[in-house]
């Protein structure tokens, strides 16, 4: 299900960029193996969620019912960007 959603997002992004150009093209449906063939670089990661906000969160939203905080790390290990996030699952 997540793979299909990812493929839809990639296709939508591609179509948006392609629509800006005045060229015709045809997409062909690949019924099997598309994820392994085109998206072999994808590596899922997990985010540890805790009830304590990270130090970078100065003032969390007041209307949260059951917040869980984490940090999303992007980029190469030598120069990662950390993005604080909050998930509210009441």
Protein backbone atom coordinates (compact mmCIF):
# COMPACT_ATOMS: atom_id res chain seq x y z
CA UNK A 1 0.00 0.00 0.00
CA UNK A 2 2.81 2.43 0.90
CA UNK A 3 4.66 1.50 -2.30
CA UNK A 4 1.60 2.29 -4.41
CA UNK A 5 1.12 5.62 -2.61
CA UNK A 6 4.80 6.45 -3.20
CA UNK A 7 4.49 5.59 -6.88
CA UNK A 8 1.45 7.83 -7.18
CA UNK A 9 3.32 10.74 -5.57
CA UNK A 10 6.31 10.27 -7.85
CA UNK A 11 4.07 10.04 -10.91
CA UNK A 12 2.16 13.18 -9.86
CA UNK A 13 5.41 15.10 -9.36
CA UNK A 14 6.72 13.90 -12.70
CA UNK A 15 3.49 14.87 -14.47
CA UNK A 16 3.51 18.32 -12.86
CA UNK A 17 7.04 19.00 -14.10
CA UNK A 18 6.34 17.49 -17.50
CA UNK A 19 3.12 19.50 -17.91
CA UNK A 20 5.16 22.69 -17.78
CA UNK A 21 6.93 21.61 -20.95
CA UNK A 22 5.13 21.37 -24.27
CA UNK A 23 6.10 17.77 -24.99
CA UNK A 24 3.90 14.71 -25.32
CA UNK A 25 4.87 11.47 -23.65
CA UNK A 26 3.26 8.16 -22.79
CA UNK A 27 3.50 6.35 -19.46
CA UNK A 28 3.36 2.58 -19.50
CA UNK A 29 2.09 0.67 -16.48
CA UNK A 30 4.58 -1.77 -15.00
CA UNK A 31 2.52 -4.39 -13.20
CA UNK A 32 5.42 -6.09 -11.41
CA UNK A 33 8.86 -5.15 -10.18
CA UNK A 34 8.54 -1.37 -10.60
CA UNK A 35 9.59 -0.59 -7.03
CA UNK A 36 12.73 -2.74 -7.20
CA UNK A 37 13.61 -1.46 -10.66
CA UNK A 38 13.10 2.27 -10.11
CA UNK A 39 13.23 2.80 -6.35
CA UNK A 40 16.00 0.49 -5.16
CA UNK A 41 17.62 3.43 -3.33
CA UNK A 42 14.78 3.66 -0.80
CA UNK A 43 15.74 2.57 2.71
CA UNK A 44 13.07 2.89 5.40
CA UNK A 45 14.10 4.26 8.75
CA UNK A 46 12.43 4.45 12.12
CA UNK A 47 11.94 7.44 14.39
CA UNK A 48 12.01 6.96 18.13
CA UNK A 49 8.96 8.71 19.62
CA UNK A 50 8.94 9.74 23.29
CA UNK A 51 6.72 11.81 25.54
CA UNK A 52 9.56 14.31 26.16
CA UNK A 53 10.05 17.02 23.52
CA UNK A 54 13.54 17.45 22.06
CA UNK A 55 15.55 20.48 23.20
CA UNK A 56 14.88 22.19 19.86
CA UNK A 57 11.13 22.40 20.61
CA UNK A 58 10.68 25.67 22.47
CA UNK A 59 6.91 25.86 22.74
CA UNK A 60 4.76 22.90 21.63
CA UNK A 61 1.15 23.56 20.57
CA UNK A 62 -1.14 23.89 23.59
CA UNK A 63 -4.05 21.83 22.25
CA UNK A 64 -2.25 18.47 21.99
CA UNK A 65 -3.96 15.53 23.72
CA UNK A 66 -1.26 12.84 23.77
CA UNK A 67 1.85 14.19 22.04
CA UNK A 68 4.79 12.02 21.06
CA UNK A 69 7.98 13.76 19.98
CA UNK A 70 10.79 12.66 17.73
CA UNK A 71 13.53 13.94 15.46
CA UNK A 72 13.73 13.24 11.73
CA UNK A 73 17.34 13.17 10.53
CA UNK A 74 18.04 13.81 6.85
CA UNK A 75 21.23 13.93 4.84
CA UNK A 76 24.65 12.34 5.05
CA UNK A 77 26.00 11.37 8.48
CA UNK A 78 28.69 14.06 8.44
CA UNK A 79 26.20 16.91 7.92
CA UNK A 80 22.73 15.75 8.98
CA UNK A 81 19.78 18.08 9.30
CA UNK A 82 17.53 17.37 12.30
CA UNK A 83 13.84 18.23 12.07
CA UNK A 84 11.77 18.01 15.25
CA UNK A 85 8.31 16.50 14.85
CA UNK A 86 5.27 15.82 16.97
CA UNK A 87 2.58 13.17 16.56
CA UNK A 88 -0.67 13.63 18.46
CA UNK A 89 -2.57 10.37 18.90
CA UNK A 90 -5.39 10.96 21.37
